[in-house]
Amino acid sequence: MSGHLRILVVDDHPIVRQGIKQTLSDAAGIDEIGEAATPQQALDLVRQRSWDAVILDIGLPGRGGLDLLKDMKQEAPRLPVLILSMHSEDQFAVRALRSGAAGYLTKETATEKLVDAVRKVASGGRYITPELAERLAIELSVDATQPLHASLSDREFAVLRLIASGQTVGAIADRLSLSVKTVSTYRARILDKMGLKNNAELMQYVITNHLLD
C-alpha cells in the first residue's frame, strides 16, 4: 500500500461528505480526497482517475449504492470499495460483500473506525466486524436455514422494504427511477419467491425480521 492514498468519497449529503473528508484529512498518509454526490459523478471519477479506495454510501437516491457498487466493480474490478451506511449490518452488509464490497461500516461507528477501515481495504484487505464475520460463516455453511428474503435480488429487496414502509407503487417508481409496471412486476416476484399472498403479509414479515430502520 502506498503511503500517499487517494480516496474517493461518494455520498449525496454535502455535510456527510465534509465530515468524512475532515476525518480523513487529519490522518497521516491520505493525501488526496475526491468527492461525488451522484452515481454518475462517481463513475466519471473512477474512469478519469486512479483511486486507492472508495467510500460509498449505500443509500444513494435513484439506482442506489449497491447498483453503483456493481457498476464500479465492472469499471475497476480491483478497486476496493468500503460501504458506509446508516443501515445496520444485518440489513445490507452480506449483500454488499457479495456484490464486491471490501468492507462495511455503519455511520454510527464511522468516527472512530473510518481511518482504520480505509487503510485496511486500501491495502487489499477486508474490513468486517467480528459479528459480521460470524454471520457470513453461518450463511455460507447453512444455506437451508436462510431467511425467505435472502432469495431476493438487491432491487427486489429494496422494493420489499419500500412497500413495507407504506410507499405506493407510484412513489416507489419515482424513487427508484423505474416505471410503475416494473415496480408491480418486482412486487409480484417478491410475493412469489417468499410465498406471501399480499402486502399485509409482506409488511408483517418485514417487521418481524427487523428489515426496516
N, C-alpha and C. Protein backbone atom coordinates (compact mmCIF):
# COMPACT_ATOMS: atom_id res chain seq x y z
N MET A 1 0.84 -1.21 0.00
CA MET A 1 0.00 0.00 0.00
C MET A 1 0.87 1.25 0.00
N SER A 2 0.53 2.17 -0.84
CA SER A 2 1.25 3.44 -0.92
C SER A 2 1.03 4.26 0.35
N GLY A 3 2.03 5.05 0.70
CA GLY A 3 1.88 5.93 1.85
C GLY A 3 1.15 7.20 1.50
N HIS A 4 0.74 7.32 0.24
CA HIS A 4 0.03 8.51 -0.23
C HIS A 4 -1.27 8.07 -0.88
N LEU A 5 -2.29 7.91 -0.06
CA LEU A 5 -3.54 7.34 -0.54
C LEU A 5 -4.44 8.38 -1.20
N ARG A 6 -5.14 7.93 -2.24
CA ARG A 6 -6.15 8.74 -2.92
C ARG A 6 -7.50 8.08 -2.68
N ILE A 7 -8.38 8.79 -1.98
CA ILE A 7 -9.66 8.23 -1.57
C ILE A 7 -10.81 9.02 -2.20
N LEU A 8 -11.79 8.29 -2.75
CA LEU A 8 -12.98 8.92 -3.32
C LEU A 8 -14.16 8.70 -2.37
N VAL A 9 -14.82 9.79 -2.00
CA VAL A 9 -15.97 9.75 -1.10
C VAL A 9 -17.25 9.97 -1.91
N VAL A 10 -18.18 9.02 -1.82
CA VAL A 10 -19.43 9.11 -2.58
C VAL A 10 -20.61 9.14 -1.61
N ASP A 11 -21.25 10.29 -1.51
CA ASP A 11 -22.41 10.46 -0.62
C ASP A 11 -23.20 11.65 -1.13
N ASP A 12 -24.53 11.56 -1.10
CA ASP A 12 -25.34 12.64 -1.66
C ASP A 12 -25.55 13.80 -0.68
N HIS A 13 -25.08 13.66 0.56
CA HIS A 13 -25.24 14.74 1.54
C HIS A 13 -23.93 15.50 1.71
N PRO A 14 -23.90 16.79 1.36
CA PRO A 14 -22.66 17.58 1.47
C PRO A 14 -22.07 17.59 2.87
N ILE A 15 -22.92 17.65 3.90
CA ILE A 15 -22.41 17.70 5.28
C ILE A 15 -21.71 16.39 5.63
N VAL A 16 -22.27 15.28 5.18
CA VAL A 16 -21.64 13.97 5.45
C VAL A 16 -20.30 13.88 4.74
N ARG A 17 -20.27 14.30 3.46
CA ARG A 17 -19.01 14.26 2.72
C ARG A 17 -17.96 15.12 3.41
N GLN A 18 -18.36 16.29 3.89
CA GLN A 18 -17.41 17.17 4.56
C GLN A 18 -16.87 16.54 5.83
N GLY A 19 -17.76 15.87 6.59
CA GLY A 19 -17.32 15.22 7.81
C GLY A 19 -16.34 14.10 7.54
N ILE A 20 -16.61 13.32 6.50
CA ILE A 20 -15.70 12.23 6.13
C ILE A 20 -14.36 12.79 5.68
N LYS A 21 -14.40 13.83 4.87
CA LYS A 21 -13.16 14.43 4.38
C LYS A 21 -12.34 14.99 5.53
N GLN A 22 -13.00 15.59 6.50
CA GLN A 22 -12.28 16.14 7.65
C GLN A 22 -11.59 15.04 8.44
N THR A 23 -12.32 13.93 8.65
CA THR A 23 -11.74 12.80 9.38
C THR A 23 -10.53 12.23 8.65
N LEU A 24 -10.65 12.09 7.34
CA LEU A 24 -9.55 11.51 6.56
C LEU A 24 -8.37 12.47 6.43
N SER A 25 -8.66 13.76 6.30
CA SER A 25 -7.58 14.73 6.11
C SER A 25 -6.71 14.86 7.35
N ASP A 26 -7.24 14.49 8.51
CA ASP A 26 -6.46 14.54 9.74
C ASP A 26 -5.55 13.32 9.91
N ALA A 27 -5.71 12.33 9.01
CA ALA A 27 -4.94 11.09 9.13
C ALA A 27 -3.69 11.15 8.27
N ALA A 28 -2.61 10.61 8.78
CA ALA A 28 -1.36 10.58 8.03
C ALA A 28 -1.46 9.63 6.85
N GLY A 29 -0.87 10.03 5.74
CA GLY A 29 -0.78 9.15 4.59
C GLY A 29 -1.93 9.25 3.61
N ILE A 30 -2.96 10.02 3.92
CA ILE A 30 -4.07 10.22 2.99
C ILE A 30 -3.91 11.61 2.38
N ASP A 31 -3.48 11.63 1.13
CA ASP A 31 -3.07 12.89 0.52
C ASP A 31 -4.12 13.53 -0.39
N GLU A 32 -5.01 12.71 -0.94
CA GLU A 32 -5.99 13.27 -1.87
C GLU A 32 -7.35 12.67 -1.57
N ILE A 33 -8.38 13.53 -1.49
CA ILE A 33 -9.74 13.09 -1.19
C ILE A 33 -10.67 13.70 -2.24
N GLY A 34 -11.22 12.86 -3.08
CA GLY A 34 -12.18 13.32 -4.07
C GLY A 34 -13.58 13.11 -3.54
N GLU A 35 -14.56 13.73 -4.18
CA GLU A 35 -15.94 13.55 -3.73
C GLU A 35 -16.91 13.56 -4.89
N ALA A 36 -17.98 12.79 -4.73
CA ALA A 36 -19.04 12.71 -5.72
C ALA A 36 -20.37 12.65 -5.00
N ALA A 37 -21.39 13.32 -5.57
CA ALA A 37 -22.70 13.36 -4.94
C ALA A 37 -23.70 12.43 -5.61
N THR A 38 -23.40 11.98 -6.83
CA THR A 38 -24.33 11.14 -7.58
C THR A 38 -23.59 9.92 -8.14
N PRO A 39 -24.33 8.88 -8.50
CA PRO A 39 -23.70 7.71 -9.11
C PRO A 39 -22.93 8.05 -10.38
N GLN A 40 -23.49 8.93 -11.21
CA GLN A 40 -22.82 9.28 -12.45
C GLN A 40 -21.50 10.02 -12.20
N GLN A 41 -21.51 10.95 -11.25
CA GLN A 41 -20.27 11.65 -10.90
C GLN A 41 -19.22 10.66 -10.40
N ALA A 42 -19.66 9.71 -9.60
CA ALA A 42 -18.73 8.71 -9.06
C ALA A 42 -18.12 7.87 -10.17
N LEU A 43 -18.94 7.41 -11.10
CA LEU A 43 -18.43 6.59 -12.20
C LEU A 43 -17.48 7.39 -13.08
N ASP A 44 -17.82 8.66 -13.31
CA ASP A 44 -16.93 9.51 -14.12
C ASP A 44 -15.56 9.64 -13.46
N LEU A 45 -15.54 9.84 -12.15
CA LEU A 45 -14.27 10.00 -11.44
C LEU A 45 -13.48 8.69 -11.40
N VAL A 46 -14.18 7.57 -11.31
CA VAL A 46 -13.49 6.27 -11.34
C VAL A 46 -12.85 6.05 -12.70
N ARG A 47 -13.52 6.50 -13.75
CA ARG A 47 -12.96 6.34 -15.10
C ARG A 47 -11.81 7.30 -15.37
N GLN A 48 -11.88 8.48 -14.76
CA GLN A 48 -10.90 9.52 -15.05
C GLN A 48 -9.63 9.42 -14.22
N ARG A 49 -9.74 8.91 -12.99
CA ARG A 49 -8.62 8.94 -12.07
C ARG A 49 -8.35 7.55 -11.50
N SER A 50 -7.18 7.41 -10.90
CA SER A 50 -6.83 6.18 -10.20
C SER A 50 -6.99 6.42 -8.70
N TRP A 51 -7.80 5.59 -8.04
CA TRP A 51 -8.06 5.75 -6.61
C TRP A 51 -7.59 4.51 -5.86
N ASP A 52 -7.19 4.70 -4.62
CA ASP A 52 -6.76 3.57 -3.79
C ASP A 52 -7.94 2.92 -3.09
N ALA A 53 -9.02 3.67 -2.90
CA ALA A 53 -10.22 3.12 -2.28
C ALA A 53 -11.38 4.10 -2.47
N VAL A 54 -12.59 3.56 -2.41
CA VAL A 54 -13.81 4.37 -2.47
C VAL A 54 -14.61 4.15 -1.20
N ILE A 55 -15.11 5.24 -0.63
CA ILE A 55 -16.06 5.16 0.49
C ILE A 55 -17.43 5.46 -0.10
N LEU A 56 -18.33 4.50 -0.04
CA LEU A 56 -19.61 4.60 -0.75
C LEU A 56 -20.79 4.49 0.20
N ASP A 57 -21.67 5.48 0.12
CA ASP A 57 -22.93 5.45 0.87
C ASP A 57 -23.90 4.52 0.15
N ILE A 58 -24.47 3.58 0.88
CA ILE A 58 -25.37 2.61 0.25
C ILE A 58 -26.74 3.21 -0.05
N GLY A 59 -27.07 4.33 0.61
CA GLY A 59 -28.41 4.90 0.48
C GLY A 59 -28.52 6.03 -0.53
N LEU A 60 -27.80 5.94 -1.63
CA LEU A 60 -27.89 6.98 -2.65
C LEU A 60 -29.26 6.97 -3.31
N PRO A 61 -29.76 8.15 -3.72
CA PRO A 61 -31.06 8.19 -4.40
C PRO A 61 -30.95 7.58 -5.79
N GLY A 62 -32.09 7.25 -6.36
CA GLY A 62 -32.09 6.68 -7.71
C GLY A 62 -31.72 5.22 -7.68
N ARG A 63 -30.68 4.84 -8.42
CA ARG A 63 -30.32 3.43 -8.56
C ARG A 63 -29.81 2.82 -7.26
N GLY A 64 -29.23 3.64 -6.38
CA GLY A 64 -28.79 3.14 -5.09
C GLY A 64 -27.35 2.70 -5.08
N GLY A 65 -26.81 2.57 -3.85
CA GLY A 65 -25.40 2.27 -3.67
C GLY A 65 -24.99 0.89 -4.14
N LEU A 66 -25.85 -0.12 -3.95
CA LEU A 66 -25.48 -1.47 -4.37
C LEU A 66 -25.35 -1.57 -5.89
N ASP A 67 -26.25 -0.90 -6.60
CA ASP A 67 -26.14 -0.90 -8.06
C ASP A 67 -24.87 -0.17 -8.50
N LEU A 68 -24.57 0.94 -7.85
CA LEU A 68 -23.35 1.68 -8.19
C LEU A 68 -22.11 0.84 -7.86
N LEU A 69 -22.15 0.12 -6.76
CA LEU A 69 -21.04 -0.77 -6.41
C LEU A 69 -20.75 -1.75 -7.53
N LYS A 70 -21.79 -2.37 -8.06
CA LYS A 70 -21.61 -3.34 -9.14
C LYS A 70 -21.04 -2.66 -10.40
N ASP A 71 -21.53 -1.44 -10.69
CA ASP A 71 -21.01 -0.70 -11.85
C ASP A 71 -19.52 -0.39 -11.66
N MET A 72 -19.16 0.02 -10.44
CA MET A 72 -17.76 0.33 -10.16
C MET A 72 -16.87 -0.90 -10.33
N LYS A 73 -17.35 -2.04 -9.88
CA LYS A 73 -16.56 -3.26 -9.98
C LYS A 73 -16.38 -3.70 -11.43
N GLN A 74 -17.34 -3.32 -12.28
CA GLN A 74 -17.18 -3.60 -13.70
C GLN A 74 -16.14 -2.67 -14.32
N GLU A 75 -16.16 -1.41 -13.90
CA GLU A 75 -15.21 -0.42 -14.43
C GLU A 75 -13.80 -0.67 -13.90
N ALA A 76 -13.70 -0.99 -12.62
CA ALA A 76 -12.39 -1.17 -11.96
C ALA A 76 -12.48 -2.34 -10.99
N PRO A 77 -12.35 -3.57 -11.48
CA PRO A 77 -12.55 -4.76 -10.65
C PRO A 77 -11.69 -4.82 -9.39
N ARG A 78 -10.51 -4.22 -9.45
CA ARG A 78 -9.59 -4.31 -8.31
C ARG A 78 -9.70 -3.12 -7.35
N LEU A 79 -10.60 -2.20 -7.63
CA LEU A 79 -10.76 -1.01 -6.78
C LEU A 79 -11.50 -1.39 -5.50
N PRO A 80 -10.90 -1.21 -4.32
CA PRO A 80 -11.58 -1.54 -3.06
C PRO A 80 -12.68 -0.52 -2.75
N VAL A 81 -13.85 -1.03 -2.40
CA VAL A 81 -14.98 -0.16 -2.06
C VAL A 81 -15.43 -0.47 -0.63
N LEU A 82 -15.38 0.54 0.22
CA LEU A 82 -15.84 0.43 1.61
C LEU A 82 -17.24 1.03 1.70
N ILE A 83 -18.20 0.22 2.07
CA ILE A 83 -19.57 0.71 2.22
C ILE A 83 -19.71 1.41 3.57
N LEU A 84 -20.24 2.62 3.53
CA LEU A 84 -20.52 3.38 4.75
C LEU A 84 -22.02 3.63 4.77
N SER A 85 -22.71 3.07 5.75
CA SER A 85 -24.17 3.07 5.69
C SER A 85 -24.81 3.42 7.02
N MET A 86 -26.00 4.02 6.93
CA MET A 86 -26.81 4.27 8.12
C MET A 86 -27.56 2.99 8.53
N HIS A 87 -27.58 2.00 7.63
CA HIS A 87 -28.29 0.76 7.91
C HIS A 87 -27.43 -0.20 8.72
N SER A 88 -28.04 -0.93 9.62
CA SER A 88 -27.31 -1.90 10.42
C SER A 88 -26.77 -3.03 9.55
N GLU A 89 -25.79 -3.74 10.06
CA GLU A 89 -25.14 -4.80 9.30
C GLU A 89 -26.12 -5.88 8.84
N ASP A 90 -27.09 -6.21 9.70
CA ASP A 90 -27.96 -7.33 9.37
C ASP A 90 -28.90 -7.03 8.21
N GLN A 91 -29.00 -5.76 7.80
CA GLN A 91 -29.87 -5.42 6.69
C GLN A 91 -29.17 -5.50 5.33
N PHE A 92 -27.94 -5.01 5.23
CA PHE A 92 -27.31 -4.89 3.92
C PHE A 92 -25.89 -5.43 3.81
N ALA A 93 -25.22 -5.69 4.91
CA ALA A 93 -23.80 -5.99 4.84
C ALA A 93 -23.46 -7.21 4.00
N VAL A 94 -24.20 -8.30 4.21
CA VAL A 94 -23.91 -9.51 3.45
C VAL A 94 -24.13 -9.28 1.96
N ARG A 95 -25.21 -8.59 1.62
CA ARG A 95 -25.48 -8.28 0.21
C ARG A 95 -24.36 -7.44 -0.39
N ALA A 96 -23.89 -6.48 0.38
CA ALA A 96 -22.83 -5.60 -0.13
C ALA A 96 -21.55 -6.38 -0.38
N LEU A 97 -21.18 -7.25 0.54
CA LEU A 97 -19.96 -8.04 0.37
C LEU A 97 -20.09 -9.00 -0.81
N ARG A 98 -21.26 -9.58 -0.98
CA ARG A 98 -21.47 -10.47 -2.11
C ARG A 98 -21.42 -9.71 -3.44
N SER A 99 -21.72 -8.42 -3.39
CA SER A 99 -21.69 -7.61 -4.61
C SER A 99 -20.30 -7.06 -4.91
N GLY A 100 -19.34 -7.35 -4.04
CA GLY A 100 -17.97 -6.94 -4.31
C GLY A 100 -17.36 -5.94 -3.36
N ALA A 101 -18.09 -5.52 -2.33
CA ALA A 101 -17.54 -4.57 -1.36
C ALA A 101 -16.38 -5.20 -0.60
N ALA A 102 -15.42 -4.37 -0.23
CA ALA A 102 -14.26 -4.84 0.55
C ALA A 102 -14.49 -4.67 2.04
N GLY A 103 -15.55 -3.96 2.41
CA GLY A 103 -15.82 -3.76 3.83
C GLY A 103 -17.15 -3.07 4.03
N TYR A 104 -17.63 -3.09 5.27
CA TYR A 104 -18.92 -2.49 5.60
C TYR A 104 -18.80 -1.82 6.96
N LEU A 105 -19.17 -0.56 7.01
CA LEU A 105 -19.06 0.23 8.23
C LEU A 105 -20.33 1.04 8.41
N THR A 106 -20.91 1.02 9.60
CA THR A 106 -22.09 1.85 9.85
C THR A 106 -21.66 3.27 10.21
N LYS A 107 -22.50 4.22 9.87
CA LYS A 107 -22.15 5.62 10.11
C LYS A 107 -22.04 5.94 11.59
N GLU A 108 -22.77 5.20 12.42
CA GLU A 108 -22.70 5.49 13.86
C GLU A 108 -21.36 5.11 14.47
N THR A 109 -20.61 4.23 13.81
CA THR A 109 -19.29 3.84 14.32
C THR A 109 -18.16 4.41 13.47
N ALA A 110 -18.51 5.23 12.47
CA ALA A 110 -17.52 5.66 11.49
C ALA A 110 -16.43 6.56 12.08
N THR A 111 -16.79 7.41 13.02
CA THR A 111 -15.83 8.39 13.52
C THR A 111 -14.56 7.75 14.05
N GLU A 112 -14.71 6.68 14.84
CA GLU A 112 -13.54 6.07 15.44
C GLU A 112 -12.92 4.96 14.59
N LYS A 113 -13.65 4.46 13.60
CA LYS A 113 -13.15 3.30 12.84
C LYS A 113 -12.85 3.58 11.38
N LEU A 114 -13.25 4.74 10.88
CA LEU A 114 -13.17 5.01 9.45
C LEU A 114 -11.75 4.93 8.90
N VAL A 115 -10.81 5.59 9.53
CA VAL A 115 -9.44 5.63 9.01
C VAL A 115 -8.84 4.23 8.96
N ASP A 116 -9.02 3.45 10.03
CA ASP A 116 -8.51 2.08 10.04
C ASP A 116 -9.15 1.25 8.94
N ALA A 117 -10.45 1.43 8.75
CA ALA A 117 -11.17 0.67 7.73
C ALA A 117 -10.66 1.02 6.33
N VAL A 118 -10.45 2.31 6.08
CA VAL A 118 -9.96 2.74 4.77
C VAL A 118 -8.57 2.18 4.51
N ARG A 119 -7.70 2.25 5.49
CA ARG A 119 -6.34 1.72 5.32
C ARG A 119 -6.36 0.21 5.08
N LYS A 120 -7.26 -0.46 5.77
CA LYS A 120 -7.35 -1.92 5.63
C LYS A 120 -7.76 -2.31 4.21
N VAL A 121 -8.82 -1.69 3.68
CA VAL A 121 -9.28 -2.07 2.33
C VAL A 121 -8.31 -1.58 1.26
N ALA A 122 -7.68 -0.42 1.49
CA ALA A 122 -6.74 0.11 0.51
C ALA A 122 -5.50 -0.76 0.39
N SER A 123 -5.20 -1.51 1.45
CA SER A 123 -4.03 -2.39 1.43
C SER A 123 -4.36 -3.77 0.88
N GLY A 124 -5.61 -3.95 0.45
CA GLY A 124 -6.01 -5.22 -0.14
C GLY A 124 -6.75 -6.14 0.80
N GLY A 125 -7.01 -5.67 2.03
CA GLY A 125 -7.72 -6.50 3.00
C GLY A 125 -9.21 -6.25 2.98
N ARG A 126 -9.90 -6.90 3.91
CA ARG A 126 -11.34 -6.69 4.07
C ARG A 126 -11.60 -6.15 5.47
N TYR A 127 -12.58 -5.26 5.57
CA TYR A 127 -12.92 -4.72 6.87
C TYR A 127 -14.33 -5.16 7.23
N ILE A 128 -14.43 -6.10 8.17
CA ILE A 128 -15.73 -6.52 8.67
C ILE A 128 -15.61 -6.73 10.18
N THR A 129 -16.70 -6.52 10.87
CA THR A 129 -16.70 -6.71 12.32
C THR A 129 -16.75 -8.20 12.64
N PRO A 130 -16.38 -8.59 13.86
CA PRO A 130 -16.49 -10.00 14.26
C PRO A 130 -17.92 -10.53 14.12
N GLU A 131 -18.90 -9.67 14.43
CA GLU A 131 -20.30 -10.08 14.32
C GLU A 131 -20.68 -10.39 12.88
N LEU A 132 -20.20 -9.56 11.95
CA LEU A 132 -20.49 -9.79 10.54
C LEU A 132 -19.76 -11.03 10.02
N ALA A 133 -18.54 -11.24 10.49
CA ALA A 133 -17.79 -12.43 10.08
C ALA A 133 -18.54 -13.69 10.50
N GLU A 134 -19.11 -13.66 11.70
CA GLU A 134 -19.87 -14.82 12.18
C GLU A 134 -21.12 -15.03 11.33
N ARG A 135 -21.79 -13.93 11.00
CA ARG A 135 -22.99 -14.03 10.16
C ARG A 135 -22.66 -14.62 8.80
N LEU A 136 -21.55 -14.18 8.21
CA LEU A 136 -21.13 -14.71 6.91
C LEU A 136 -20.85 -16.21 7.00
N ALA A 137 -20.17 -16.61 8.05
CA ALA A 137 -19.84 -18.02 8.21
C ALA A 137 -21.11 -18.86 8.33
N ILE A 138 -22.08 -18.36 9.04
CA ILE A 138 -23.34 -19.09 9.21
C ILE A 138 -24.08 -19.20 7.88
N GLU A 139 -24.14 -18.09 7.15
CA GLU A 139 -24.87 -18.10 5.88
C GLU A 139 -24.21 -19.01 4.86
N LEU A 140 -22.89 -19.08 4.88
CA LEU A 140 -22.18 -19.93 3.92
C LEU A 140 -22.32 -21.41 4.26
N SER A 141 -22.47 -21.72 5.55
CA SER A 141 -22.49 -23.12 5.96
C SER A 141 -23.88 -23.71 6.08
N VAL A 142 -24.89 -22.85 6.22
CA VAL A 142 -26.25 -23.36 6.43
C VAL A 142 -27.20 -22.68 5.45
N ASP A 143 -27.10 -23.06 4.19
CA ASP A 143 -27.94 -22.46 3.15
C ASP A 143 -29.42 -22.70 3.41
N ALA A 144 -29.74 -23.87 3.90
CA ALA A 144 -31.15 -24.25 4.02
C ALA A 144 -31.88 -23.41 5.06
N THR A 145 -31.16 -22.81 5.98
CA THR A 145 -31.82 -22.03 7.02
C THR A 145 -31.84 -20.54 6.70
N GLN A 146 -31.50 -20.16 5.49
CA GLN A 146 -31.52 -18.74 5.12
C GLN A 146 -32.95 -18.20 5.18
N PRO A 147 -33.12 -16.95 5.59
CA PRO A 147 -34.47 -16.38 5.62
C PRO A 147 -35.04 -16.24 4.22
N LEU A 148 -36.35 -16.09 4.15
CA LEU A 148 -37.02 -16.01 2.85
C LEU A 148 -36.49 -14.88 1.98
N HIS A 149 -36.17 -13.75 2.59
CA HIS A 149 -35.75 -12.59 1.79
C HIS A 149 -34.35 -12.75 1.21
N ALA A 150 -33.61 -13.78 1.64
CA ALA A 150 -32.27 -13.99 1.10
C ALA A 150 -32.32 -14.37 -0.38
N SER A 151 -33.46 -14.86 -0.84
CA SER A 151 -33.59 -15.27 -2.25
C SER A 151 -33.85 -14.08 -3.17
N LEU A 152 -34.12 -12.92 -2.62
CA LEU A 152 -34.44 -11.76 -3.44
C LEU A 152 -33.19 -11.11 -4.03
N SER A 153 -33.35 -10.53 -5.20
CA SER A 153 -32.27 -9.74 -5.77
C SER A 153 -32.15 -8.43 -4.98
N ASP A 154 -31.08 -7.69 -5.21
CA ASP A 154 -30.90 -6.42 -4.50
C ASP A 154 -32.04 -5.46 -4.79
N ARG A 155 -32.48 -5.39 -6.05
CA ARG A 155 -33.57 -4.46 -6.39
C ARG A 155 -34.87 -4.95 -5.78
N GLU A 156 -35.12 -6.24 -5.78
CA GLU A 156 -36.33 -6.77 -5.15
C GLU A 156 -36.33 -6.49 -3.65
N PHE A 157 -35.17 -6.62 -3.03
CA PHE A 157 -35.06 -6.35 -1.60
C PHE A 157 -35.36 -4.88 -1.31
N ALA A 158 -34.87 -3.98 -2.17
CA ALA A 158 -35.15 -2.55 -2.00
C ALA A 158 -36.65 -2.28 -2.12
N VAL A 159 -37.29 -2.89 -3.12
CA VAL A 159 -38.73 -2.71 -3.31
C VAL A 159 -39.50 -3.27 -2.12
N LEU A 160 -39.07 -4.43 -1.62
CA LEU A 160 -39.69 -5.03 -0.44
C LEU A 160 -39.73 -4.05 0.73
N ARG A 161 -38.60 -3.42 1.02
CA ARG A 161 -38.52 -2.50 2.15
C ARG A 161 -39.38 -1.27 1.93
N LEU A 162 -39.43 -0.78 0.69
CA LEU A 162 -40.22 0.41 0.41
C LEU A 162 -41.72 0.12 0.50
N ILE A 163 -42.13 -1.05 0.02
CA ILE A 163 -43.54 -1.43 0.16
C ILE A 163 -43.90 -1.53 1.64
N ALA A 164 -43.04 -2.17 2.40
CA ALA A 164 -43.30 -2.35 3.82
C ALA A 164 -43.32 -1.04 4.59
N SER A 165 -42.62 -0.03 4.06
CA SER A 165 -42.62 1.28 4.72
C SER A 165 -43.87 2.09 4.40
N GLY A 166 -44.76 1.52 3.57
CA GLY A 166 -46.03 2.17 3.28
C GLY A 166 -46.08 2.98 2.01
N GLN A 167 -45.02 2.94 1.22
CA GLN A 167 -45.00 3.73 -0.01
C GLN A 167 -45.82 3.06 -1.12
N THR A 168 -46.46 3.86 -1.93
CA THR A 168 -47.26 3.35 -3.04
C THR A 168 -46.36 2.90 -4.18
N VAL A 169 -46.93 2.14 -5.09
CA VAL A 169 -46.17 1.69 -6.26
C VAL A 169 -45.66 2.89 -7.06
N GLY A 170 -46.49 3.92 -7.18
CA GLY A 170 -46.08 5.12 -7.91
C GLY A 170 -44.92 5.83 -7.24
N ALA A 171 -44.98 5.94 -5.91
CA ALA A 171 -43.91 6.61 -5.18
C ALA A 171 -42.61 5.82 -5.27
N ILE A 172 -42.72 4.50 -5.21
CA ILE A 172 -41.53 3.65 -5.35
C ILE A 172 -40.93 3.80 -6.73
N ALA A 173 -41.78 3.84 -7.74
CA ALA A 173 -41.31 4.01 -9.12
C ALA A 173 -40.52 5.31 -9.26
N ASP A 174 -41.03 6.39 -8.68
CA ASP A 174 -40.33 7.69 -8.75
C ASP A 174 -39.00 7.63 -8.01
N ARG A 175 -39.00 7.02 -6.87
CA ARG A 175 -37.78 6.98 -6.05
C ARG A 175 -36.67 6.16 -6.70
N LEU A 176 -37.04 5.06 -7.34
CA LEU A 176 -36.04 4.17 -7.94
C LEU A 176 -35.84 4.41 -9.43
N SER A 177 -36.51 5.43 -9.96
CA SER A 177 -36.40 5.76 -11.39
C SER A 177 -36.82 4.58 -12.26
N LEU A 178 -37.94 3.97 -11.89
CA LEU A 178 -38.49 2.84 -12.63
C LEU A 178 -39.91 3.17 -13.07
N SER A 179 -40.46 2.36 -13.97
CA SER A 179 -41.85 2.52 -14.36
C SER A 179 -42.74 1.84 -13.32
N VAL A 180 -44.00 2.28 -13.26
CA VAL A 180 -44.96 1.66 -12.33
C VAL A 180 -45.11 0.18 -12.67
N LYS A 181 -45.13 -0.15 -13.96
CA LYS A 181 -45.27 -1.55 -14.38
C LYS A 181 -44.10 -2.40 -13.87
N THR A 182 -42.89 -1.83 -13.93
CA THR A 182 -41.72 -2.58 -13.47
C THR A 182 -41.78 -2.83 -11.97
N VAL A 183 -42.19 -1.83 -11.21
CA VAL A 183 -42.31 -1.99 -9.76
C VAL A 183 -43.36 -3.05 -9.44
N SER A 184 -44.46 -3.03 -10.19
CA SER A 184 -45.52 -4.04 -9.97
C SER A 184 -44.99 -5.44 -10.27
N THR A 185 -44.13 -5.55 -11.28
CA THR A 185 -43.53 -6.84 -11.60
C THR A 185 -42.63 -7.31 -10.47
N TYR A 186 -41.83 -6.37 -9.93
CA TYR A 186 -40.97 -6.72 -8.79
C TYR A 186 -41.82 -7.19 -7.61
N ARG A 187 -42.92 -6.49 -7.35
CA ARG A 187 -43.79 -6.87 -6.23
C ARG A 187 -44.30 -8.29 -6.42
N ALA A 188 -44.72 -8.62 -7.63
CA ALA A 188 -45.24 -9.95 -7.91
C ALA A 188 -44.16 -11.02 -7.70
N ARG A 189 -42.95 -10.70 -8.13
CA ARG A 189 -41.84 -11.65 -7.95
C ARG A 189 -41.54 -11.87 -6.47
N ILE A 190 -41.56 -10.77 -5.71
CA ILE A 190 -41.28 -10.85 -4.28
C ILE A 190 -42.29 -11.76 -3.59
N LEU A 191 -43.57 -11.52 -3.86
CA LEU A 191 -44.62 -12.34 -3.24
C LEU A 191 -44.47 -13.80 -3.62
N ASP A 192 -44.13 -14.04 -4.89
CA ASP A 192 -43.99 -15.41 -5.38
C ASP A 192 -42.80 -16.11 -4.72
N LYS A 193 -41.64 -15.44 -4.70
CA LYS A 193 -40.44 -16.04 -4.14
C LYS A 193 -40.58 -16.33 -2.65
N MET A 194 -41.28 -15.45 -1.95
CA MET A 194 -41.37 -15.59 -0.50
C MET A 194 -42.62 -16.34 -0.05
N GLY A 195 -43.48 -16.69 -1.00
CA GLY A 195 -44.68 -17.44 -0.66
C GLY A 195 -45.69 -16.62 0.12
N LEU A 196 -45.73 -15.31 -0.15
CA LEU A 196 -46.65 -14.42 0.54
C LEU A 196 -47.84 -14.09 -0.37
N LYS A 197 -48.96 -13.72 0.24
CA LYS A 197 -50.18 -13.51 -0.54
C LYS A 197 -50.44 -12.04 -0.88
N ASN A 198 -50.06 -11.14 0.01
CA ASN A 198 -50.42 -9.74 -0.19
C ASN A 198 -49.47 -8.82 0.58
N ASN A 199 -49.71 -7.51 0.46
CA ASN A 199 -48.86 -6.52 1.12
C ASN A 199 -48.91 -6.64 2.64
N ALA A 200 -50.06 -7.04 3.17
CA ALA A 200 -50.18 -7.15 4.63
C ALA A 200 -49.23 -8.22 5.15
N GLU A 201 -49.18 -9.37 4.48
CA GLU A 201 -48.26 -10.42 4.91
C GLU A 201 -46.81 -9.98 4.71
N LEU A 202 -46.58 -9.26 3.62
CA LEU A 202 -45.23 -8.76 3.35
C LEU A 202 -44.78 -7.81 4.45
N MET A 203 -45.65 -6.89 4.83
CA MET A 203 -45.31 -5.92 5.87
C MET A 203 -45.06 -6.62 7.21
N GLN A 204 -45.87 -7.64 7.51
CA GLN A 204 -45.69 -8.36 8.76
C GLN A 204 -44.35 -9.08 8.78
N TYR A 205 -43.96 -9.65 7.64
CA TYR A 205 -42.68 -10.35 7.55
C TYR A 205 -41.53 -9.37 7.78
N VAL A 206 -41.58 -8.22 7.14
CA VAL A 206 -40.51 -7.23 7.26
C VAL A 206 -40.37 -6.74 8.70
N ILE A 207 -41.50 -6.49 9.35
CA ILE A 207 -41.48 -6.03 10.74
C ILE A 207 -40.93 -7.12 11.66
N THR A 208 -41.39 -8.35 11.47
CA THR A 208 -40.94 -9.47 12.30
C THR A 208 -39.45 -9.71 12.19
N ASN A 209 -38.90 -9.50 10.98
CA ASN A 209 -37.49 -9.75 10.74
C ASN A 209 -36.62 -8.51 10.86
N HIS A 210 -37.21 -7.41 11.32
CA HIS A 210 -36.47 -6.17 11.61
C HIS A 210 -35.69 -5.68 10.37
N LEU A 211 -36.38 -5.62 9.24
CA LEU A 211 -35.71 -5.22 7.99
C LEU A 211 -35.88 -3.73 7.71
N LEU A 212 -36.63 -3.03 8.55
CA LEU A 212 -36.74 -1.57 8.41
C LEU A 212 -35.93 -0.91 9.51
N ASP A 213 -35.53 0.34 9.27
CA ASP A 213 -34.74 1.08 10.27
C ASP A 213 -35.55 1.35 11.51
